[in-house]
PDB file of all heavy atoms in Angstrom:
ATOM      1  N   THR A   1       1.489  -1.257   5.088  1.00  0.00           N
ATOM      2  CA  THR A   1       2.182  -0.620   3.932  1.00  0.00           C
ATOM      3  C   THR A   1       1.568   0.752   3.677  1.00  0.00           C
ATOM      4  O   THR A   1       2.269   1.668   3.254  1.00  0.00           O
ATOM      5  CB  THR A   1       2.051  -1.484   2.706  1.00  0.00           C
ATOM      6  OG1 THR A   1       0.696  -1.792   2.416  1.00  0.00           O
ATOM      7  CG2 THR A   1       2.862  -2.757   2.857  1.00  0.00           C
ATOM      8  N   LYS A   2       0.259   0.904   3.887  1.00  0.00           N
ATOM      9  CA  LYS A   2      -0.361   2.212   3.643  1.00  0.00           C
ATOM     10  C   LYS A   2       0.240   3.259   4.559  1.00  0.00           C
ATOM     11  O   LYS A   2       0.641   4.340   4.105  1.00  0.00           O
ATOM     12  CB  LYS A   2      -1.870   2.109   3.852  1.00  0.00           C
ATOM     13  CG  LYS A   2      -2.603   3.447   3.656  1.00  0.00           C
ATOM     14  CD  LYS A   2      -4.023   3.323   4.040  1.00  0.00           C
ATOM     15  CE  LYS A   2      -4.734   4.646   3.969  1.00  0.00           C
ATOM     16  NZ  LYS A   2      -4.082   5.754   4.578  1.00  0.00           N
ATOM     17  N   SER A   3       0.287   2.985   5.826  1.00  0.00           N
ATOM     18  CA  SER A   3       0.758   3.939   6.815  1.00  0.00           C
ATOM     19  C   SER A   3       2.276   4.154   6.804  1.00  0.00           C
ATOM     20  O   SER A   3       2.756   5.264   6.727  1.00  0.00           O
ATOM     21  CB  SER A   3       0.355   3.573   8.222  1.00  0.00           C
ATOM     22  OG  SER A   3      -1.049   3.488   8.311  1.00  0.00           O
ATOM     23  N   TYR A   4       2.998   3.076   6.862  1.00  0.00           N
ATOM     24  CA  TYR A   4       4.444   3.154   7.060  1.00  0.00           C
ATOM     25  C   TYR A   4       5.272   3.261   5.803  1.00  0.00           C
ATOM     26  O   TYR A   4       6.256   3.941   5.732  1.00  0.00           O
ATOM     27  CB  TYR A   4       4.950   2.009   7.926  1.00  0.00           C
ATOM     28  CG  TYR A   4       4.297   2.011   9.300  1.00  0.00           C
ATOM     29  CD1 TYR A   4       3.453   0.995   9.690  1.00  0.00           C
ATOM     30  CD2 TYR A   4       4.542   3.060  10.184  1.00  0.00           C
ATOM     31  CE1 TYR A   4       2.868   0.974  10.922  1.00  0.00           C
ATOM     32  CE2 TYR A   4       3.927   3.064  11.451  1.00  0.00           C
ATOM     33  CZ  TYR A   4       3.119   2.015  11.785  1.00  0.00           C
ATOM     34  OH  TYR A   4       2.476   2.004  13.041  1.00  0.00           O
ATOM     35  N   VAL A   5       4.834   2.508   4.771  1.00  0.00           N
ATOM     36  CA  VAL A   5       5.639   2.462   3.568  1.00  0.00           C
ATOM     37  C   VAL A   5       5.280   3.564   2.583  1.00  0.00           C
ATOM     38  O   VAL A   5       6.080   4.404   2.221  1.00  0.00           O
ATOM     39  CB  VAL A   5       5.545   1.052   2.895  1.00  0.00           C
ATOM     40  CG1 VAL A   5       6.329   1.034   1.617  1.00  0.00           C
ATOM     41  CG2 VAL A   5       6.068  -0.007   3.818  1.00  0.00           C
ATOM     42  N   PHE A   6       3.998   3.542   2.169  1.00  0.00           N
ATOM     43  CA  PHE A   6       3.617   4.455   1.112  1.00  0.00           C
ATOM     44  C   PHE A   6       3.423   5.902   1.562  1.00  0.00           C
ATOM     45  O   PHE A   6       3.930   6.800   0.921  1.00  0.00           O
ATOM     46  CB  PHE A   6       2.362   3.960   0.398  1.00  0.00           C
ATOM     47  CG  PHE A   6       2.541   2.631  -0.306  1.00  0.00           C
ATOM     48  CD1 PHE A   6       1.832   1.532   0.060  1.00  0.00           C
ATOM     49  CD2 PHE A   6       3.527   2.472  -1.235  1.00  0.00           C
ATOM     50  CE1 PHE A   6       2.026   0.296  -0.568  1.00  0.00           C
ATOM     51  CE2 PHE A   6       3.774   1.269  -1.853  1.00  0.00           C
ATOM     52  CZ  PHE A   6       3.007   0.179  -1.513  1.00  0.00           C
ATOM     53  N   GLU A   7       2.768   6.090   2.733  1.00  0.00           N
ATOM     54  CA  GLU A   7       2.619   7.460   3.209  1.00  0.00           C
ATOM     55  C   GLU A   7       3.858   7.951   3.976  1.00  0.00           C
ATOM     56  O   GLU A   7       4.263   9.064   3.860  1.00  0.00           O
ATOM     57  CB  GLU A   7       1.382   7.587   4.109  1.00  0.00           C
ATOM     58  CG  GLU A   7       0.068   7.495   3.332  1.00  0.00           C
ATOM     59  CD  GLU A   7      -1.148   7.552   4.241  1.00  0.00           C
ATOM     60  OE1 GLU A   7      -0.986   7.657   5.461  1.00  0.00           O
ATOM     61  OE2 GLU A   7      -2.271   7.464   3.682  1.00  0.00           O
ATOM     62  N   GLY A   8       4.432   7.045   4.810  1.00  0.00           N
ATOM     63  CA  GLY A   8       5.547   7.440   5.657  1.00  0.00           C
ATOM     64  C   GLY A   8       6.851   7.524   4.878  1.00  0.00           C
ATOM     65  O   GLY A   8       7.545   8.560   4.895  1.00  0.00           O
ATOM     66  N   THR A   9       7.265   6.494   4.198  1.00  0.00           N
ATOM     67  CA  THR A   9       8.571   6.440   3.537  1.00  0.00           C
ATOM     68  C   THR A   9       8.527   7.134   2.164  1.00  0.00           C
ATOM     69  O   THR A   9       9.406   7.927   1.888  1.00  0.00           O
ATOM     70  CB  THR A   9       9.001   4.986   3.367  1.00  0.00           C
ATOM     71  OG1 THR A   9       8.984   4.315   4.633  1.00  0.00           O
ATOM     72  CG2 THR A   9      10.407   4.888   2.772  1.00  0.00           C
ATOM     73  N   PHE A  10       7.558   6.824   1.380  1.00  0.00           N
ATOM     74  CA  PHE A  10       7.513   7.370   0.030  1.00  0.00           C
ATOM     75  C   PHE A  10       6.808   8.716  -0.033  1.00  0.00           C
ATOM     76  O   PHE A  10       6.897   9.427  -1.024  1.00  0.00           O
ATOM     77  CB  PHE A  10       6.813   6.431  -0.953  1.00  0.00           C
ATOM     78  CG  PHE A  10       7.579   5.141  -1.155  1.00  0.00           C
ATOM     79  CD1 PHE A  10       6.916   3.960  -1.214  1.00  0.00           C
ATOM     80  CD2 PHE A  10       8.963   5.150  -1.332  1.00  0.00           C
ATOM     81  CE1 PHE A  10       7.641   2.760  -1.434  1.00  0.00           C
ATOM     82  CE2 PHE A  10       9.692   3.970  -1.505  1.00  0.00           C
ATOM     83  CZ  PHE A  10       9.017   2.787  -1.561  1.00  0.00           C
ATOM     84  N   GLY A  11       6.091   9.121   1.010  1.00  0.00           N
ATOM     85  CA  GLY A  11       5.425  10.437   1.045  1.00  0.00           C
ATOM     86  C   GLY A  11       4.244  10.542   0.045  1.00  0.00           C
ATOM     87  O   GLY A  11       3.975  11.648  -0.442  1.00  0.00           O
ATOM     88  N   MET A  12       3.612   9.474  -0.241  1.00  0.00           N
ATOM     89  CA  MET A  12       2.488   9.498  -1.188  1.00  0.00           C
ATOM     90  C   MET A  12       1.263  10.113  -0.550  1.00  0.00           C
ATOM     91  O   MET A  12       1.106  10.154   0.637  1.00  0.00           O
ATOM     92  CB  MET A  12       2.160   8.067  -1.665  1.00  0.00           C
ATOM     93  CG  MET A  12       3.168   7.449  -2.532  1.00  0.00           C
ATOM     94  SD  MET A  12       2.594   5.846  -3.050  1.00  0.00           S
ATOM     95  CE  MET A  12       3.851   5.401  -4.211  1.00  0.00           C
ATOM     96  N   SER A  13       0.358  10.546  -1.392  1.00  0.00           N
ATOM     97  CA  SER A  13      -0.902  11.109  -0.883  1.00  0.00           C
ATOM     98  C   SER A  13      -1.783   9.989  -0.342  1.00  0.00           C
ATOM     99  O   SER A  13      -1.517   8.803  -0.608  1.00  0.00           O
ATOM    100  CB  SER A  13      -1.661  11.804  -2.038  1.00  0.00           C
ATOM    101  OG  SER A  13      -2.127  10.870  -2.964  1.00  0.00           O
ATOM    102  N   ASN A  14      -2.774  10.357   0.409  1.00  0.00           N
ATOM    103  CA  ASN A  14      -3.654   9.386   1.041  1.00  0.00           C
ATOM    104  C   ASN A  14      -4.358   8.539  -0.053  1.00  0.00           C
ATOM    105  O   ASN A  14      -4.514   7.321   0.083  1.00  0.00           O
ATOM    106  CB  ASN A  14      -4.702  10.139   1.853  1.00  0.00           C
ATOM    107  CG  ASN A  14      -5.443   9.229   2.760  1.00  0.00           C
ATOM    108  OD1 ASN A  14      -5.003   8.105   3.078  1.00  0.00           O
ATOM    109  ND2 ASN A  14      -6.572   9.700   3.303  1.00  0.00           N
ATOM    110  N   ARG A  15      -4.766   9.158  -1.124  1.00  0.00           N
ATOM    111  CA  ARG A  15      -5.473   8.471  -2.167  1.00  0.00           C
ATOM    112  C   ARG A  15      -4.600   7.461  -2.926  1.00  0.00           C
ATOM    113  O   ARG A  15      -4.991   6.320  -3.187  1.00  0.00           O
ATOM    114  CB  ARG A  15      -6.056   9.461  -3.164  1.00  0.00           C
ATOM    115  CG  ARG A  15      -7.002   8.905  -4.146  1.00  0.00           C
ATOM    116  CD  ARG A  15      -7.598  10.004  -4.965  1.00  0.00           C
ATOM    117  NE  ARG A  15      -8.605   9.428  -5.819  1.00  0.00           N
ATOM    118  CZ  ARG A  15      -9.540  10.119  -6.363  1.00  0.00           C
ATOM    119  NH1 ARG A  15      -9.665  11.396  -6.128  1.00  0.00           N
ATOM    120  NH2 ARG A  15     -10.428   9.554  -7.144  1.00  0.00           N
ATOM    121  N   ASP A  16      -3.390   7.862  -3.198  1.00  0.00           N
ATOM    122  CA  ASP A  16      -2.460   6.944  -3.877  1.00  0.00           C
ATOM    123  C   ASP A  16      -2.054   5.763  -2.990  1.00  0.00           C
ATOM    124  O   ASP A  16      -1.902   4.635  -3.432  1.00  0.00           O
ATOM    125  CB  ASP A  16      -1.199   7.662  -4.315  1.00  0.00           C
ATOM    126  CG  ASP A  16      -1.440   8.601  -5.524  1.00  0.00           C
ATOM    127  OD1 ASP A  16      -2.485   8.405  -6.214  1.00  0.00           O
ATOM    128  OD2 ASP A  16      -0.616   9.498  -5.728  1.00  0.00           O
ATOM    129  N   SER A  17      -1.887   6.049  -1.690  1.00  0.00           N
ATOM    130  CA  SER A  17      -1.474   5.016  -0.816  1.00  0.00           C
ATOM    131  C   SER A  17      -2.534   3.936  -0.634  1.00  0.00           C
ATOM    132  O   SER A  17      -2.242   2.748  -0.448  1.00  0.00           O
ATOM    133  CB  SER A  17      -1.066   5.567   0.562  1.00  0.00           C
ATOM    134  OG  SER A  17      -2.179   6.137   1.208  1.00  0.00           O
ATOM    135  N   TYR A  18      -3.853   4.327  -0.709  1.00  0.00           N
ATOM    136  CA  TYR A  18      -4.874   3.351  -0.674  1.00  0.00           C
ATOM    137  C   TYR A  18      -4.755   2.345  -1.842  1.00  0.00           C
ATOM    138  O   TYR A  18      -4.914   1.143  -1.703  1.00  0.00           O
ATOM    139  CB  TYR A  18      -6.277   3.975  -0.821  1.00  0.00           C
ATOM    140  CG  TYR A  18      -6.798   4.638   0.441  1.00  0.00           C
ATOM    141  CD1 TYR A  18      -7.325   5.908   0.414  1.00  0.00           C
ATOM    142  CD2 TYR A  18      -6.794   3.986   1.619  1.00  0.00           C
ATOM    143  CE1 TYR A  18      -7.797   6.517   1.536  1.00  0.00           C
ATOM    144  CE2 TYR A  18      -7.272   4.548   2.779  1.00  0.00           C
ATOM    145  CZ  TYR A  18      -7.832   5.788   2.704  1.00  0.00           C
ATOM    146  OH  TYR A  18      -8.298   6.383   3.860  1.00  0.00           O
ATOM    147  N   PHE A  19      -4.505   2.892  -3.026  1.00  0.00           N
ATOM    148  CA  PHE A  19      -4.419   2.091  -4.233  1.00  0.00           C
ATOM    149  C   PHE A  19      -3.292   1.084  -4.163  1.00  0.00           C
ATOM    150  O   PHE A  19      -3.465  -0.101  -4.381  1.00  0.00           O
ATOM    151  CB  PHE A  19      -4.256   3.013  -5.437  1.00  0.00           C
ATOM    152  CG  PHE A  19      -4.074   2.305  -6.737  1.00  0.00           C
ATOM    153  CD1 PHE A  19      -5.176   1.686  -7.309  1.00  0.00           C
ATOM    154  CD2 PHE A  19      -2.855   2.261  -7.395  1.00  0.00           C
ATOM    155  CE1 PHE A  19      -5.045   0.991  -8.534  1.00  0.00           C
ATOM    156  CE2 PHE A  19      -2.708   1.539  -8.549  1.00  0.00           C
ATOM    157  CZ  PHE A  19      -3.796   0.953  -9.158  1.00  0.00           C
ATOM    158  N   TYR A  20      -2.088   1.544  -3.800  1.00  0.00           N
ATOM    159  CA  TYR A  20      -0.922   0.664  -3.762  1.00  0.00           C
ATOM    160  C   TYR A  20      -0.992  -0.305  -2.607  1.00  0.00           C
ATOM    161  O   TYR A  20      -0.509  -1.435  -2.722  1.00  0.00           O
ATOM    162  CB  TYR A  20       0.349   1.470  -3.762  1.00  0.00           C
ATOM    163  CG  TYR A  20       0.590   2.218  -5.000  1.00  0.00           C
ATOM    164  CD1 TYR A  20       0.538   3.618  -5.101  1.00  0.00           C
ATOM    165  CD2 TYR A  20       0.829   1.530  -6.202  1.00  0.00           C
ATOM    166  CE1 TYR A  20       0.739   4.286  -6.304  1.00  0.00           C
ATOM    167  CE2 TYR A  20       1.014   2.159  -7.419  1.00  0.00           C
ATOM    168  CZ  TYR A  20       0.982   3.570  -7.470  1.00  0.00           C
ATOM    169  OH  TYR A  20       1.156   4.203  -8.636  1.00  0.00           O
ATOM    170  N   ALA A  21      -1.556   0.051  -1.506  1.00  0.00           N
ATOM    171  CA  ALA A  21      -1.688  -0.849  -0.382  1.00  0.00           C
ATOM    172  C   ALA A  21      -2.683  -1.963  -0.725  1.00  0.00           C
ATOM    173  O   ALA A  21      -2.476  -3.107  -0.307  1.00  0.00           O
ATOM    174  CB  ALA A  21      -2.157  -0.098   0.870  1.00  0.00           C
ATOM    175  N   ALA A  22      -3.707  -1.645  -1.483  1.00  0.00           N
ATOM    176  CA  ALA A  22      -4.682  -2.656  -1.938  1.00  0.00           C
ATOM    177  C   ALA A  22      -3.985  -3.648  -2.876  1.00  0.00           C
ATOM    178  O   ALA A  22      -4.257  -4.875  -2.828  1.00  0.00           O
ATOM    179  CB  ALA A  22      -5.861  -2.015  -2.660  1.00  0.00           C
ATOM    180  N   ILE A  23      -3.112  -3.173  -3.722  1.00  0.00           N
ATOM    181  CA  ILE A  23      -2.359  -4.108  -4.606  1.00  0.00           C
ATOM    182  C   ILE A  23      -1.507  -5.034  -3.771  1.00  0.00           C
ATOM    183  O   ILE A  23      -1.474  -6.239  -4.039  1.00  0.00           O
ATOM    184  CB  ILE A  23      -1.501  -3.265  -5.599  1.00  0.00           C
ATOM    185  CG1 ILE A  23      -2.410  -2.598  -6.599  1.00  0.00           C
ATOM    186  CG2 ILE A  23      -0.500  -4.174  -6.329  1.00  0.00           C
ATOM    187  CD1 ILE A  23      -1.704  -1.633  -7.561  1.00  0.00           C
ATOM    188  N   VAL A  24      -0.833  -4.504  -2.749  1.00  0.00           N
ATOM    189  CA  VAL A  24      -0.013  -5.352  -1.863  1.00  0.00           C
ATOM    190  C   VAL A  24      -0.890  -6.400  -1.195  1.00  0.00           C
ATOM    191  O   VAL A  24      -0.506  -7.575  -1.088  1.00  0.00           O
ATOM    192  CB  VAL A  24       0.728  -4.517  -0.830  1.00  0.00           C
ATOM    193  CG1 VAL A  24       1.387  -5.366   0.221  1.00  0.00           C
ATOM    194  CG2 VAL A  24       1.777  -3.630  -1.521  1.00  0.00           C
ATOM    195  N   ALA A  25      -2.064  -6.038  -0.724  1.00  0.00           N
ATOM    196  CA  ALA A  25      -2.939  -6.979  -0.073  1.00  0.00           C
ATOM    197  C   ALA A  25      -3.420  -8.081  -1.032  1.00  0.00           C
ATOM    198  O   ALA A  25      -3.506  -9.223  -0.634  1.00  0.00           O
ATOM    199  CB  ALA A  25      -4.161  -6.250   0.551  1.00  0.00           C
ATOM    200  N   VAL A  26      -3.770  -7.691  -2.218  1.00  0.00           N
ATOM    201  CA  VAL A  26      -4.218  -8.682  -3.213  1.00  0.00           C
ATOM    202  C   VAL A  26      -3.067  -9.669  -3.565  1.00  0.00           C
ATOM    203  O   VAL A  26      -3.300 -10.877  -3.680  1.00  0.00           O
ATOM    204  CB  VAL A  26      -4.775  -7.958  -4.481  1.00  0.00           C
ATOM    205  CG1 VAL A  26      -4.964  -8.966  -5.645  1.00  0.00           C
ATOM    206  CG2 VAL A  26      -6.049  -7.277  -4.171  1.00  0.00           C
ATOM    207  N   VAL A  27      -1.891  -9.145  -3.695  1.00  0.00           N
ATOM    208  CA  VAL A  27      -0.696  -9.992  -3.964  1.00  0.00           C
ATOM    209  C   VAL A  27      -0.505 -10.998  -2.752  1.00  0.00           C
ATOM    210  O   VAL A  27      -0.218 -12.177  -2.978  1.00  0.00           O
ATOM    211  CB  VAL A  27       0.555  -9.166  -4.241  1.00  0.00           C
ATOM    212  CG1 VAL A  27       1.808 -10.051  -4.242  1.00  0.00           C
ATOM    213  CG2 VAL A  27       0.401  -8.470  -5.563  1.00  0.00           C
ATOM    214  N   ALA A  28      -0.698 -10.485  -1.557  1.00  0.00           N
ATOM    215  CA  ALA A  28      -0.546 -11.336  -0.379  1.00  0.00           C
ATOM    216  C   ALA A  28      -1.601 -12.476  -0.408  1.00  0.00           C
ATOM    217  O   ALA A  28      -1.278 -13.594  -0.045  1.00  0.00           O
ATOM    218  CB  ALA A  28      -0.693 -10.523   0.895  1.00  0.00           C
ATOM    219  N   VAL A  29      -2.842 -12.153  -0.794  1.00  0.00           N
ATOM    220  CA  VAL A  29      -3.888 -13.187  -0.878  1.00  0.00           C
ATOM    221  C   VAL A  29      -3.499 -14.263  -1.885  1.00  0.00           C
ATOM    222  O   VAL A  29      -3.641 -15.447  -1.621  1.00  0.00           O
ATOM    223  CB  VAL A  29      -5.226 -12.550  -1.243  1.00  0.00           C
ATOM    224  CG1 VAL A  29      -6.256 -13.586  -1.685  1.00  0.00           C
ATOM    225  CG2 VAL A  29      -5.755 -11.752  -0.095  1.00  0.00           C
ATOM    226  N   HIS A  30      -2.957 -13.838  -3.003  1.00  0.00           N
ATOM    227  CA  HIS A  30      -2.584 -14.819  -4.028  1.00  0.00           C
ATOM    228  C   HIS A  30      -1.411 -15.660  -3.524  1.00  0.00           C
ATOM    229  O   HIS A  30      -1.359 -16.872  -3.865  1.00  0.00           O
ATOM    230  CB  HIS A  30      -2.197 -14.107  -5.337  1.00  0.00           C
ATOM    231  CG  HIS A  30      -3.397 -13.644  -6.104  1.00  0.00           C
ATOM    232  ND1 HIS A  30      -4.040 -12.461  -5.820  1.00  0.00           N
ATOM    233  CD2 HIS A  30      -4.089 -14.240  -7.095  1.00  0.00           C
ATOM    234  CE1 HIS A  30      -5.059 -12.355  -6.632  1.00  0.00           C
ATOM    235  NE2 HIS A  30      -5.150 -13.392  -7.398  1.00  0.00           N
ATOM    236  N   ILE A  31      -0.468 -15.057  -2.838  1.00  0.00           N
ATOM    237  CA  ILE A  31       0.653 -15.884  -2.329  1.00  0.00           C
ATOM    238  C   ILE A  31       0.162 -16.916  -1.273  1.00  0.00           C
ATOM    239  O   ILE A  31       0.575 -18.079  -1.288  1.00  0.00           O
ATOM    240  CB  ILE A  31       1.714 -14.950  -1.713  1.00  0.00           C
ATOM    241  CG1 ILE A  31       2.431 -14.179  -2.842  1.00  0.00           C
ATOM    242  CG2 ILE A  31       2.708 -15.693  -0.883  1.00  0.00           C
ATOM    243  CD1 ILE A  31       3.337 -13.097  -2.347  1.00  0.00           C
ATOM    244  N   VAL A  32      -0.756 -16.510  -0.405  1.00  0.00           N
ATOM    245  CA  VAL A  32      -1.304 -17.437   0.605  1.00  0.00           C
ATOM    246  C   VAL A  32      -2.059 -18.568  -0.086  1.00  0.00           C
ATOM    247  O   VAL A  32      -1.930 -19.719   0.265  1.00  0.00           O
ATOM    248  CB  VAL A  32      -2.180 -16.710   1.628  1.00  0.00           C
ATOM    249  CG1 VAL A  32      -2.922 -17.679   2.487  1.00  0.00           C
ATOM    250  CG2 VAL A  32      -1.341 -15.765   2.473  1.00  0.00           C
TER     251      VAL A  32
END
């Protein structure tokens, strides 16, 4: 999500993409 979704598709900065990708990873942990 950091590389392809947030930076690639949405064009977010490197710093913002770290934050949102971490949120996606934490949500994935909770789902598992």
